[in-house]
């Protein structure tokens, strides 16, 4: 189950470089927020556990990836707002 969730999230991130819309389009912000949400869901779905040696096992890399995607969404939103204000 952990491998499936990691593959799903890495596939979403890999697809971002292939066919990613420009930051001017609303679909860019939608893609970024959906991918961020999918990383958060994958993190919760995989879960955390402590192994026999007392090490915490969790997919921590999904959290910063999700935060960066959400930051990109916010930056795209700010850029779109600035372009909108400039055109008026």
Protein backbone atom coordinates (compact mmCIF):
# COMPACT_ATOMS: atom_id res chain seq x y z
CA UNK A 1 0.00 0.00 0.00
CA UNK A 2 2.88 2.39 0.74
CA UNK A 3 4.43 1.80 -2.66
CA UNK A 4 1.14 2.45 -4.44
CA UNK A 5 0.63 5.82 -2.73
CA UNK A 6 4.25 6.84 -3.39
CA UNK A 7 3.93 5.85 -7.05
CA UNK A 8 0.72 7.85 -7.40
CA UNK A 9 2.28 10.96 -5.90
CA UNK A 10 5.52 10.65 -7.87
CA UNK A 11 3.50 10.12 -11.07
CA UNK A 12 1.58 13.32 -10.40
CA UNK A 13 4.80 15.24 -9.87
CA UNK A 14 6.38 13.70 -12.98
CA UNK A 15 3.35 14.66 -15.08
CA UNK A 16 3.73 18.25 -13.93
CA UNK A 17 6.88 18.73 -15.98
CA UNK A 18 5.41 17.15 -19.11
CA UNK A 19 2.17 19.03 -19.70
CA UNK A 20 1.96 21.86 -17.24
CA UNK A 21 -0.19 24.89 -18.12
CA UNK A 22 1.16 28.41 -17.90
CA UNK A 23 0.85 30.33 -14.65
CA UNK A 24 -1.60 32.75 -16.28
CA UNK A 25 -4.29 30.11 -16.55
CA UNK A 26 -6.63 29.21 -13.70
CA UNK A 27 -6.00 25.53 -14.38
CA UNK A 28 -2.40 25.99 -13.21
CA UNK A 29 -3.55 26.93 -9.75
CA UNK A 30 -6.05 24.10 -9.76
CA UNK A 31 -3.36 21.57 -10.77
CA UNK A 32 -0.98 22.78 -8.08
CA UNK A 33 -3.58 22.72 -5.33
CA UNK A 34 -4.86 19.27 -6.37
CA UNK A 35 -1.35 17.85 -6.43
CA UNK A 36 -0.61 19.39 -3.06
CA UNK A 37 -3.77 17.86 -1.64
CA UNK A 38 -2.94 14.47 -3.16
CA UNK A 39 0.48 14.51 -1.45
CA UNK A 40 -1.19 15.30 1.88
CA UNK A 41 -3.74 12.52 1.37
CA UNK A 42 -0.97 10.08 0.44
CA UNK A 43 0.94 11.03 3.60
CA UNK A 44 -2.10 10.33 5.77
CA UNK A 45 -3.00 7.19 3.83
CA UNK A 46 0.48 5.68 4.16
CA UNK A 47 0.64 6.58 7.84
CA UNK A 48 3.49 6.43 10.33
CA UNK A 49 4.78 3.52 12.32
CA UNK A 50 7.63 2.62 14.63
CA UNK A 51 9.66 -0.42 13.56
CA UNK A 52 11.27 -3.03 15.82
CA UNK A 53 14.45 -0.96 16.29
CA UNK A 54 12.44 2.06 17.46
CA UNK A 55 12.84 4.06 14.23
CA UNK A 56 9.93 6.17 13.08
CA UNK A 57 8.94 5.23 9.53
CA UNK A 58 6.89 7.79 7.64
CA UNK A 59 6.81 9.28 4.14
CA UNK A 60 8.15 12.64 5.34
CA UNK A 61 9.22 13.75 1.84
CA UNK A 62 5.57 14.17 0.88
CA UNK A 63 5.11 17.05 3.34
CA UNK A 64 7.72 19.45 1.86
CA UNK A 65 6.62 18.51 -1.66
CA UNK A 66 3.05 19.36 -0.72
CA UNK A 67 4.14 22.64 0.87
CA UNK A 68 6.15 23.63 -2.23
CA UNK A 69 3.22 22.86 -4.51
CA UNK A 70 0.93 24.92 -2.32
CA UNK A 71 3.46 27.75 -2.32
CA UNK A 72 3.58 27.58 -6.12
CA UNK A 73 -0.21 27.80 -6.19
CA UNK A 74 -0.11 30.89 -3.98
CA UNK A 75 2.57 32.53 -6.13
CA UNK A 76 0.59 31.79 -9.28
CA UNK A 77 -2.49 33.32 -7.67
CA UNK A 78 -0.57 36.47 -6.69
CA UNK A 79 0.89 36.74 -10.19
CA UNK A 80 -2.53 36.35 -11.79
CA UNK A 81 -3.95 39.02 -9.48
CA UNK A 82 -1.10 41.40 -10.33
CA UNK A 83 -1.62 40.85 -14.05
CA UNK A 84 -5.34 41.44 -13.63
CA UNK A 85 -4.74 44.71 -11.76
CA UNK A 86 -2.25 45.88 -14.40
CA UNK A 87 -4.72 45.28 -17.25
CA UNK A 88 -7.47 47.37 -15.63
